[in-house]
Amino acid sequence: MGHPDFRADGRIFATLGYPDRTSAMVKVTPELQAVMIREHPAAFAPAAGAWGRQGSTMVKLALVDEELMGEALTEARRHAMSRRKKAR
């Protein structure tokens, strides 16, 4: 797709540089997405449409520090792995 992605067991849980170099996306639970948006409304927003309703969350990179982005990536990876286990 022209931008780096992060995978766990073949499942994408985050992307970097989409839709532009200032953004990223993490896939978390809808519940965690709501918390992230409530606590950091300038930094996080749901992706458009059904993807966003399912937890895909856009990140404005300039508005998150290393620790906050690390937490988001950790939770996204955890979510991807738990979905993978359920599918088996």
C-alpha atoms as a PDB file:
ATOM      1  CA  MET A   1       0.000   0.000   0.000  1.00  0.00           C
ATOM      2  CA  GLY A   2       3.027   2.290  -0.128  1.00  0.00           C
ATOM      3  CA  HIS A   3       3.524   2.768   3.618  1.00  0.00           C
ATOM      4  CA  PRO A   4       5.123   0.670   6.378  1.00  0.00           C
ATOM      5  CA  ASP A   5       2.917  -1.560   8.457  1.00  0.00           C
ATOM      6  CA  PHE A   6       3.429  -3.503  11.650  1.00  0.00           C
ATOM      7  CA  ARG A   7       2.248  -7.098  11.914  1.00  0.00           C
ATOM      8  CA  ALA A   8       1.791  -9.726  14.596  1.00  0.00           C
ATOM      9  CA  ASP A   9       1.420 -13.286  13.329  1.00  0.00           C
ATOM     10  CA  GLY A  10       0.605 -11.906   9.865  1.00  0.00           C
ATOM     11  CA  ARG A  11      -2.069  -9.516  11.128  1.00  0.00           C
ATOM     12  CA  ILE A  12      -1.604  -5.760  10.617  1.00  0.00           C
ATOM     13  CA  PHE A  13      -1.996  -3.853  13.881  1.00  0.00           C
ATOM     14  CA  ALA A  14      -0.508  -0.473  12.908  1.00  0.00           C
ATOM     15  CA  THR A  15       0.631   1.566   9.922  1.00  0.00           C
ATOM     16  CA  LEU A  16       2.998   4.484   9.616  1.00  0.00           C
ATOM     17  CA  GLY A  17       2.717   7.348   7.158  1.00  0.00           C
ATOM     18  CA  TYR A  18      -0.913   6.969   6.180  1.00  0.00           C
ATOM     19  CA  PRO A  19      -2.588   9.021   4.836  1.00  0.00           C
ATOM     20  CA  ASP A  20       0.546  11.187   5.004  1.00  0.00           C
ATOM     21  CA  ARG A  21       3.918  11.328   6.754  1.00  0.00           C
ATOM     22  CA  THR A  22       2.446  13.120   9.771  1.00  0.00           C
ATOM     23  CA  SER A  23       0.050  10.299  10.649  1.00  0.00           C
ATOM     24  CA  ALA A  24      -0.149   6.711  11.781  1.00  0.00           C
ATOM     25  CA  MET A  25      -2.931   4.239  12.527  1.00  0.00           C
ATOM     26  CA  VAL A  26      -3.334   1.708  15.332  1.00  0.00           C
ATOM     27  CA  LYS A  27      -6.029  -0.961  15.568  1.00  0.00           C
ATOM     28  CA  VAL A  28      -7.320  -1.205  19.129  1.00  0.00           C
ATOM     29  CA  THR A  29     -10.609  -2.209  20.687  1.00  0.00           C
ATOM     30  CA  PRO A  30     -13.454   0.277  20.263  1.00  0.00           C
ATOM     31  CA  GLU A  31     -13.503   0.670  24.050  1.00  0.00           C
ATOM     32  CA  LEU A  32      -9.824   1.568  24.221  1.00  0.00           C
ATOM     33  CA  GLN A  33     -10.226   3.838  21.220  1.00  0.00           C
ATOM     34  CA  ALA A  34     -12.881   5.797  23.134  1.00  0.00           C
ATOM     35  CA  VAL A  35     -10.530   6.197  26.116  1.00  0.00           C
ATOM     36  CA  MET A  36      -7.638   7.322  23.904  1.00  0.00           C
ATOM     37  CA  ILE A  37      -9.820   9.908  22.171  1.00  0.00           C
ATOM     38  CA  ARG A  38     -11.292  11.142  25.443  1.00  0.00           C
ATOM     39  CA  GLU A  39      -7.870  11.524  27.091  1.00  0.00           C
ATOM     40  CA  HIS A  40      -6.011  12.901  24.032  1.00  0.00           C
ATOM     41  CA  PRO A  41      -8.615  14.329  21.630  1.00  0.00           C
ATOM     42  CA  ALA A  42      -6.108  16.321  19.575  1.00  0.00           C
ATOM     43  CA  ALA A  43      -3.844  13.305  19.007  1.00  0.00           C
ATOM     44  CA  PHE A  44      -6.300  10.467  18.297  1.00  0.00           C
ATOM     45  CA  ALA A  45      -9.383  10.160  16.093  1.00  0.00           C
ATOM     46  CA  PRO A  46     -11.343   7.229  14.700  1.00  0.00           C
ATOM     47  CA  ALA A  47     -10.576   6.252  11.118  1.00  0.00           C
ATOM     48  CA  ALA A  48     -13.384   6.876   8.661  1.00  0.00           C
ATOM     49  CA  GLY A  49     -16.372   4.566   8.373  1.00  0.00           C
ATOM     50  CA  ALA A  50     -16.589   0.982   9.573  1.00  0.00           C
ATOM     51  CA  TRP A  51     -12.828   0.747  10.150  1.00  0.00           C
ATOM     52  CA  GLY A  52     -13.089   3.504  12.739  1.00  0.00           C
ATOM     53  CA  ARG A  53     -16.136   1.978  14.396  1.00  0.00           C
ATOM     54  CA  GLN A  54     -14.159  -1.276  14.757  1.00  0.00           C
ATOM     55  CA  GLY A  55     -11.243   0.456  16.526  1.00  0.00           C
ATOM     56  CA  SER A  56      -8.936   1.698  13.773  1.00  0.00           C
ATOM     57  CA  THR A  57      -7.568   4.892  15.265  1.00  0.00           C
ATOM     58  CA  MET A  58      -5.680   7.661  13.484  1.00  0.00           C
ATOM     59  CA  VAL A  59      -2.715   9.199  15.297  1.00  0.00           C
ATOM     60  CA  LYS A  60      -1.248  12.661  14.723  1.00  0.00           C
ATOM     61  CA  LEU A  61       2.415  11.880  15.304  1.00  0.00           C
ATOM     62  CA  ALA A  62       3.462  15.415  16.278  1.00  0.00           C
ATOM     63  CA  LEU A  63       0.996  15.301  19.195  1.00  0.00           C
ATOM     64  CA  VAL A  64       2.145  12.063  20.854  1.00  0.00           C
ATOM     65  CA  ASP A  65       5.371  11.374  22.687  1.00  0.00           C
ATOM     66  CA  GLU A  66       7.338   8.146  22.561  1.00  0.00           C
ATOM     67  CA  GLU A  67       5.681   6.730  25.668  1.00  0.00           C
ATOM     68  CA  LEU A  68       2.118   7.367  24.509  1.00  0.00           C
ATOM     69  CA  MET A  69       2.810   5.965  21.032  1.00  0.00           C
ATOM     70  CA  GLY A  70       4.519   2.950  22.598  1.00  0.00           C
ATOM     71  CA  GLU A  71       1.455   2.276  24.744  1.00  0.00           C
ATOM     72  CA  ALA A  72      -0.820   2.563  21.702  1.00  0.00           C
ATOM     73  CA  LEU A  73       1.354   0.148  19.702  1.00  0.00           C
ATOM     74  CA  THR A  74       1.540  -2.310  22.595  1.00  0.00           C
ATOM     75  CA  GLU A  75      -2.238  -2.339  22.977  1.00  0.00           C
ATOM     76  CA  ALA A  76      -2.742  -2.659  19.215  1.00  0.00           C
ATOM     77  CA  ARG A  77      -0.391  -5.651  19.081  1.00  0.00           C
ATOM     78  CA  ARG A  78      -2.103  -7.225  22.093  1.00  0.00           C
ATOM     79  CA  HIS A  79      -5.489  -6.767  20.409  1.00  0.00           C
ATOM     80  CA  ALA A  80      -4.226  -8.330  17.154  1.00  0.00           C
ATOM     81  CA  MET A  81      -2.848 -11.343  19.002  1.00  0.00           C
ATOM     82  CA  SER A  82      -6.049 -11.845  21.004  1.00  0.00           C
ATOM     83  CA  ARG A  83      -8.125 -11.733  17.809  1.00  0.00           C
ATOM     84  CA  ARG A  84      -5.781 -14.275  16.250  1.00  0.00           C
ATOM     85  CA  LYS A  85      -6.198 -16.649  19.203  1.00  0.00           C
ATOM     86  CA  LYS A  86      -9.986 -16.361  18.985  1.00  0.00           C
ATOM     87  CA  ALA A  87      -9.893 -17.209  15.270  1.00  0.00           C
ATOM     88  CA  ARG A  88      -8.060 -20.475  15.945  1.00  0.00           C
END
